Amino acid sequence: MTTTTVTEGPAVLIGYGWRLQIEAEAPVFAEGASYAGQIRERPNAAEVLATLTSADHGIMRISDTVLELVLRPEQTVGLPPGRVVLDLVRTDLTPDLHLGFLLELPVCLTSAPLGQI
């Protein structure tokens, strides 16, 4: 049986960049590992609203215990106000390894247009 923990993350402002560092208690983020994350409205939703990967610098390994997640402004523009979920997977293993948690992120409207960040 697989257990997934849901944790609330910091709010995403539509049209703005977003950044979060995740710190683990143990050294679980191996050097050379690659990761991918998908944002959806609900954990079981088929539609992917945004994707982050190590290759596009949306997920960066800072140390053995810290990953940094980054959304560009153009990625946040497509998010609906309310809440979304982000899951993370290690993709350099076969099969891919789900990291065992979902981040629930509040998404808020802003009055500033894209590009005035």
N, C-alpha and C. Protein backbone atom coordinates (compact mmCIF):
# COMPACT_ATOMS: atom_id res chain seq x y z
N MET A 1 0.84 -1.17 0.00
CA MET A 1 0.00 0.00 0.00
C MET A 1 0.89 1.24 0.00
N THR A 2 0.54 2.22 -0.81
CA THR A 2 1.28 3.47 -0.90
C THR A 2 0.52 4.55 -0.14
N THR A 3 1.24 5.31 0.66
CA THR A 3 0.65 6.41 1.40
C THR A 3 1.15 7.72 0.82
N THR A 4 0.23 8.64 0.60
CA THR A 4 0.58 9.96 0.10
C THR A 4 0.12 10.99 1.10
N THR A 5 1.00 11.91 1.46
CA THR A 5 0.69 12.98 2.38
C THR A 5 0.32 14.23 1.59
N VAL A 6 -0.74 14.91 2.00
CA VAL A 6 -1.13 16.17 1.37
C VAL A 6 -0.71 17.30 2.29
N THR A 7 0.06 18.25 1.76
CA THR A 7 0.56 19.38 2.52
C THR A 7 0.20 20.66 1.81
N GLU A 8 -0.19 21.69 2.56
CA GLU A 8 -0.53 22.96 1.92
C GLU A 8 0.74 23.77 1.69
N GLY A 9 0.86 24.29 0.48
CA GLY A 9 2.00 25.12 0.13
C GLY A 9 1.60 26.58 0.09
N PRO A 10 2.55 27.46 -0.20
CA PRO A 10 2.28 28.90 -0.27
C PRO A 10 1.43 29.24 -1.49
N ALA A 11 0.69 30.33 -1.42
CA ALA A 11 -0.21 30.74 -2.49
C ALA A 11 0.55 31.08 -3.78
N VAL A 12 -0.11 30.77 -4.88
CA VAL A 12 0.36 31.14 -6.22
C VAL A 12 -0.49 32.32 -6.66
N LEU A 13 0.15 33.40 -7.08
CA LEU A 13 -0.56 34.55 -7.62
C LEU A 13 -0.58 34.43 -9.14
N ILE A 14 -1.77 34.42 -9.71
CA ILE A 14 -1.91 34.26 -11.16
C ILE A 14 -1.18 35.40 -11.87
N GLY A 15 -0.31 35.02 -12.82
CA GLY A 15 0.45 36.00 -13.59
C GLY A 15 1.81 36.33 -13.00
N TYR A 16 2.13 35.77 -11.84
CA TYR A 16 3.42 36.01 -11.19
C TYR A 16 4.22 34.71 -11.12
N GLY A 17 5.53 34.83 -11.04
CA GLY A 17 6.37 33.68 -10.79
C GLY A 17 6.14 33.18 -9.37
N TRP A 18 6.45 31.93 -9.13
CA TRP A 18 6.25 31.30 -7.82
C TRP A 18 7.46 30.41 -7.55
N ARG A 19 7.88 30.36 -6.30
CA ARG A 19 9.07 29.59 -5.93
C ARG A 19 8.86 29.01 -4.54
N LEU A 20 9.30 27.78 -4.36
CA LEU A 20 9.20 27.11 -3.06
C LEU A 20 10.36 26.15 -2.89
N GLN A 21 10.99 26.18 -1.72
CA GLN A 21 12.00 25.17 -1.40
C GLN A 21 11.38 24.15 -0.46
N ILE A 22 11.58 22.87 -0.82
CA ILE A 22 11.10 21.75 -0.01
C ILE A 22 12.31 21.15 0.67
N GLU A 23 12.23 21.00 1.99
CA GLU A 23 13.35 20.42 2.73
C GLU A 23 12.92 19.10 3.35
N ALA A 24 13.69 18.05 3.10
CA ALA A 24 13.45 16.73 3.66
C ALA A 24 14.29 16.54 4.91
N GLU A 25 13.84 15.67 5.78
CA GLU A 25 14.60 15.39 7.01
C GLU A 25 15.81 14.51 6.75
N ALA A 26 15.75 13.73 5.67
CA ALA A 26 16.85 12.81 5.33
C ALA A 26 17.39 13.18 3.95
N PRO A 27 18.60 12.74 3.62
CA PRO A 27 19.18 13.05 2.31
C PRO A 27 18.56 12.20 1.20
N VAL A 28 17.43 12.65 0.66
CA VAL A 28 16.68 11.86 -0.32
C VAL A 28 16.77 12.39 -1.75
N PHE A 29 17.34 13.57 -1.95
CA PHE A 29 17.42 14.16 -3.28
C PHE A 29 18.83 13.97 -3.83
N ALA A 30 19.03 12.85 -4.50
CA ALA A 30 20.35 12.44 -4.96
C ALA A 30 20.88 13.34 -6.08
N GLU A 31 22.19 13.57 -6.05
CA GLU A 31 22.83 14.33 -7.12
C GLU A 31 22.66 13.55 -8.42
N GLY A 32 22.31 14.25 -9.50
CA GLY A 32 22.13 13.61 -10.80
C GLY A 32 20.73 13.07 -11.03
N ALA A 33 19.89 13.07 -10.01
CA ALA A 33 18.51 12.59 -10.17
C ALA A 33 17.71 13.61 -10.97
N SER A 34 16.67 13.13 -11.65
CA SER A 34 15.79 14.06 -12.37
C SER A 34 14.36 13.90 -11.84
N TYR A 35 13.63 15.00 -11.89
CA TYR A 35 12.30 15.06 -11.30
C TYR A 35 11.32 15.70 -12.25
N ALA A 36 10.05 15.39 -12.08
CA ALA A 36 8.96 16.03 -12.81
C ALA A 36 7.80 16.24 -11.85
N GLY A 37 7.07 17.31 -12.07
CA GLY A 37 5.89 17.59 -11.27
C GLY A 37 4.77 18.04 -12.18
N GLN A 38 3.54 17.70 -11.79
CA GLN A 38 2.38 18.12 -12.55
C GLN A 38 1.39 18.81 -11.62
N ILE A 39 0.80 19.88 -12.14
CA ILE A 39 -0.23 20.61 -11.39
C ILE A 39 -1.57 20.29 -12.03
N ARG A 40 -2.53 19.92 -11.16
CA ARG A 40 -3.89 19.60 -11.60
C ARG A 40 -4.88 20.26 -10.65
N GLU A 41 -6.15 20.36 -11.07
CA GLU A 41 -7.16 20.93 -10.18
C GLU A 41 -7.42 20.02 -8.98
N ARG A 42 -7.41 18.72 -9.20
CA ARG A 42 -7.63 17.72 -8.14
C ARG A 42 -6.64 16.59 -8.35
N PRO A 43 -6.33 15.82 -7.33
CA PRO A 43 -5.38 14.72 -7.50
C PRO A 43 -5.75 13.74 -8.61
N ASN A 44 -7.04 13.51 -8.82
CA ASN A 44 -7.47 12.52 -9.81
C ASN A 44 -7.86 13.15 -11.15
N ALA A 45 -7.65 14.44 -11.34
CA ALA A 45 -8.01 15.11 -12.60
C ALA A 45 -7.09 14.65 -13.73
N ALA A 46 -7.67 14.44 -14.89
CA ALA A 46 -6.89 14.00 -16.05
C ALA A 46 -6.09 15.15 -16.67
N GLU A 47 -6.66 16.37 -16.64
CA GLU A 47 -6.00 17.51 -17.29
C GLU A 47 -4.84 18.04 -16.45
N VAL A 48 -3.68 18.14 -17.09
CA VAL A 48 -2.50 18.72 -16.47
C VAL A 48 -2.48 20.21 -16.80
N LEU A 49 -2.47 21.06 -15.77
CA LEU A 49 -2.50 22.51 -15.96
C LEU A 49 -1.11 23.10 -16.18
N ALA A 50 -0.10 22.50 -15.58
CA ALA A 50 1.28 22.96 -15.73
C ALA A 50 2.21 21.81 -15.37
N THR A 51 3.38 21.81 -15.98
CA THR A 51 4.39 20.79 -15.73
C THR A 51 5.71 21.46 -15.36
N LEU A 52 6.37 20.92 -14.35
CA LEU A 52 7.71 21.37 -13.96
C LEU A 52 8.64 20.18 -14.14
N THR A 53 9.86 20.42 -14.60
CA THR A 53 10.83 19.33 -14.72
C THR A 53 12.22 19.83 -14.33
N SER A 54 13.09 18.88 -14.07
CA SER A 54 14.50 19.23 -13.84
C SER A 54 15.10 19.81 -15.11
N ALA A 55 14.71 19.28 -16.26
CA ALA A 55 15.28 19.71 -17.53
C ALA A 55 14.98 21.18 -17.84
N ASP A 56 13.79 21.67 -17.45
CA ASP A 56 13.44 23.07 -17.74
C ASP A 56 13.67 23.98 -16.53
N HIS A 57 14.38 23.47 -15.54
CA HIS A 57 14.73 24.21 -14.32
C HIS A 57 13.52 24.59 -13.48
N GLY A 58 12.41 23.87 -13.67
CA GLY A 58 11.24 24.05 -12.82
C GLY A 58 11.41 23.31 -11.49
N ILE A 59 12.31 22.33 -11.48
CA ILE A 59 12.66 21.61 -10.25
C ILE A 59 14.18 21.55 -10.19
N MET A 60 14.74 22.16 -9.16
CA MET A 60 16.20 22.21 -9.04
C MET A 60 16.64 21.61 -7.71
N ARG A 61 17.63 20.73 -7.80
CA ARG A 61 18.22 20.15 -6.59
C ARG A 61 19.20 21.17 -6.01
N ILE A 62 18.94 21.57 -4.77
CA ILE A 62 19.82 22.52 -4.09
C ILE A 62 20.86 21.75 -3.27
N SER A 63 20.40 20.67 -2.63
CA SER A 63 21.29 19.81 -1.83
C SER A 63 20.64 18.44 -1.70
N ASP A 64 21.27 17.55 -0.95
CA ASP A 64 20.70 16.23 -0.72
C ASP A 64 19.36 16.28 0.01
N THR A 65 19.06 17.40 0.66
CA THR A 65 17.83 17.52 1.43
C THR A 65 16.89 18.62 0.94
N VAL A 66 17.28 19.38 -0.09
CA VAL A 66 16.46 20.51 -0.53
C VAL A 66 16.24 20.48 -2.04
N LEU A 67 14.96 20.59 -2.44
CA LEU A 67 14.58 20.82 -3.84
C LEU A 67 13.91 22.17 -3.92
N GLU A 68 14.13 22.88 -5.02
CA GLU A 68 13.44 24.14 -5.25
C GLU A 68 12.50 23.97 -6.44
N LEU A 69 11.25 24.38 -6.26
CA LEU A 69 10.23 24.31 -7.30
C LEU A 69 9.98 25.72 -7.81
N VAL A 70 9.85 25.87 -9.13
CA VAL A 70 9.68 27.19 -9.73
C VAL A 70 8.60 27.11 -10.82
N LEU A 71 7.65 28.05 -10.74
CA LEU A 71 6.68 28.25 -11.81
C LEU A 71 6.95 29.62 -12.43
N ARG A 72 7.02 29.67 -13.75
CA ARG A 72 7.18 30.93 -14.46
C ARG A 72 5.83 31.65 -14.55
N PRO A 73 5.82 32.96 -14.71
CA PRO A 73 4.55 33.69 -14.81
C PRO A 73 3.61 33.12 -15.87
N GLU A 74 4.14 32.73 -17.03
CA GLU A 74 3.27 32.20 -18.08
C GLU A 74 2.63 30.87 -17.68
N GLN A 75 3.22 30.14 -16.73
CA GLN A 75 2.60 28.91 -16.24
C GLN A 75 1.47 29.21 -15.26
N THR A 76 1.61 30.26 -14.47
CA THR A 76 0.58 30.55 -13.47
C THR A 76 -0.65 31.20 -14.10
N VAL A 77 -0.50 31.81 -15.27
CA VAL A 77 -1.63 32.46 -15.94
C VAL A 77 -2.76 31.46 -16.21
N GLY A 78 -2.43 30.23 -16.51
CA GLY A 78 -3.44 29.22 -16.84
C GLY A 78 -4.07 28.52 -15.64
N LEU A 79 -3.68 28.90 -14.44
CA LEU A 79 -4.23 28.23 -13.26
C LEU A 79 -5.56 28.87 -12.85
N PRO A 80 -6.53 28.04 -12.43
CA PRO A 80 -7.81 28.59 -12.00
C PRO A 80 -7.73 29.10 -10.56
N PRO A 81 -8.43 30.18 -10.24
CA PRO A 81 -8.48 30.63 -8.84
C PRO A 81 -9.08 29.53 -7.97
N GLY A 82 -8.60 29.43 -6.76
CA GLY A 82 -9.07 28.38 -5.84
C GLY A 82 -7.90 27.59 -5.31
N ARG A 83 -7.88 26.30 -5.61
CA ARG A 83 -6.80 25.43 -5.16
C ARG A 83 -6.40 24.47 -6.27
N VAL A 84 -5.12 24.14 -6.32
CA VAL A 84 -4.60 23.12 -7.23
C VAL A 84 -3.69 22.21 -6.43
N VAL A 85 -3.34 21.06 -7.02
CA VAL A 85 -2.41 20.14 -6.36
C VAL A 85 -1.20 19.91 -7.27
N LEU A 86 -0.06 19.72 -6.65
CA LEU A 86 1.21 19.46 -7.33
C LEU A 86 1.78 18.17 -6.79
N ASP A 87 2.05 17.21 -7.67
CA ASP A 87 2.72 16.00 -7.23
C ASP A 87 4.09 15.92 -7.87
N LEU A 88 5.02 15.24 -7.21
CA LEU A 88 6.40 15.14 -7.69
C LEU A 88 6.80 13.69 -7.87
N VAL A 89 7.55 13.44 -8.94
CA VAL A 89 7.99 12.10 -9.29
C VAL A 89 9.47 12.16 -9.65
N ARG A 90 10.23 11.18 -9.18
CA ARG A 90 11.62 11.04 -9.62
C ARG A 90 11.58 10.24 -10.91
N THR A 91 12.13 10.78 -11.99
CA THR A 91 11.96 10.20 -13.32
C THR A 91 13.18 9.46 -13.87
N ASP A 92 14.28 9.44 -13.14
CA ASP A 92 15.47 8.75 -13.64
C ASP A 92 15.52 7.29 -13.19
N LEU A 93 14.49 6.82 -12.51
CA LEU A 93 14.41 5.43 -12.06
C LEU A 93 13.37 4.69 -12.90
N THR A 94 13.48 3.37 -12.95
CA THR A 94 12.50 2.55 -13.66
C THR A 94 11.90 1.56 -12.67
N PRO A 95 10.60 1.66 -12.40
CA PRO A 95 9.67 2.68 -12.88
C PRO A 95 9.90 4.01 -12.13
N ASP A 96 9.25 5.07 -12.63
CA ASP A 96 9.32 6.37 -11.95
C ASP A 96 8.87 6.20 -10.50
N LEU A 97 9.43 7.00 -9.62
CA LEU A 97 9.14 6.89 -8.19
C LEU A 97 8.40 8.14 -7.71
N HIS A 98 7.13 7.96 -7.31
CA HIS A 98 6.36 9.08 -6.73
C HIS A 98 6.98 9.40 -5.38
N LEU A 99 7.17 10.68 -5.07
CA LEU A 99 7.84 11.05 -3.83
C LEU A 99 6.96 10.95 -2.59
N GLY A 100 5.69 10.60 -2.76
CA GLY A 100 4.84 10.27 -1.61
C GLY A 100 4.12 11.44 -0.97
N PHE A 101 4.06 12.59 -1.66
CA PHE A 101 3.28 13.70 -1.12
C PHE A 101 2.70 14.53 -2.25
N LEU A 102 1.61 15.21 -1.94
CA LEU A 102 1.00 16.19 -2.84
C LEU A 102 1.04 17.53 -2.14
N LEU A 103 1.34 18.57 -2.87
CA LEU A 103 1.23 19.93 -2.34
C LEU A 103 -0.09 20.51 -2.80
N GLU A 104 -0.87 21.00 -1.87
CA GLU A 104 -2.10 21.70 -2.21
C GLU A 104 -1.78 23.19 -2.16
N LEU A 105 -1.99 23.86 -3.29
CA LEU A 105 -1.59 25.26 -3.41
C LEU A 105 -2.80 26.16 -3.62
N PRO A 106 -2.99 27.16 -2.77
CA PRO A 106 -4.02 28.16 -3.04
C PRO A 106 -3.59 28.98 -4.25
N VAL A 107 -4.54 29.32 -5.11
CA VAL A 107 -4.28 30.13 -6.28
C VAL A 107 -5.15 31.37 -6.19
N CYS A 108 -4.52 32.54 -6.28
CA CYS A 108 -5.23 33.82 -6.08
C CYS A 108 -5.10 34.70 -7.31
N LEU A 109 -6.18 35.44 -7.58
CA LEU A 109 -6.15 36.45 -8.65
C LEU A 109 -5.33 37.65 -8.21
N THR A 110 -4.81 38.35 -9.16
CA THR A 110 -4.08 39.58 -8.88
C THR A 110 -4.50 40.61 -9.92
N SER A 111 -4.38 41.86 -9.60
CA SER A 111 -4.77 42.91 -10.53
C SER A 111 -3.64 43.35 -11.45
N ALA A 112 -2.41 42.92 -11.17
CA ALA A 112 -1.27 43.31 -12.00
C ALA A 112 -1.20 42.43 -13.24
N PRO A 113 -1.01 43.00 -14.42
CA PRO A 113 -0.92 42.20 -15.63
C PRO A 113 0.41 41.46 -15.74
N LEU A 114 0.41 40.37 -16.50
CA LEU A 114 1.62 39.60 -16.77
C LEU A 114 2.67 40.53 -17.35
N GLY A 115 3.90 40.39 -16.87
CA GLY A 115 4.99 41.21 -17.36
C GLY A 115 5.33 42.36 -16.44
N GLN A 116 4.43 42.70 -15.54
CA GLN A 116 4.72 43.77 -14.56
C GLN A 116 5.02 43.14 -13.22
N ILE A 117 6.02 42.31 -13.21
CA ILE A 117 6.38 41.57 -12.00
C ILE A 117 7.64 42.12 -11.39
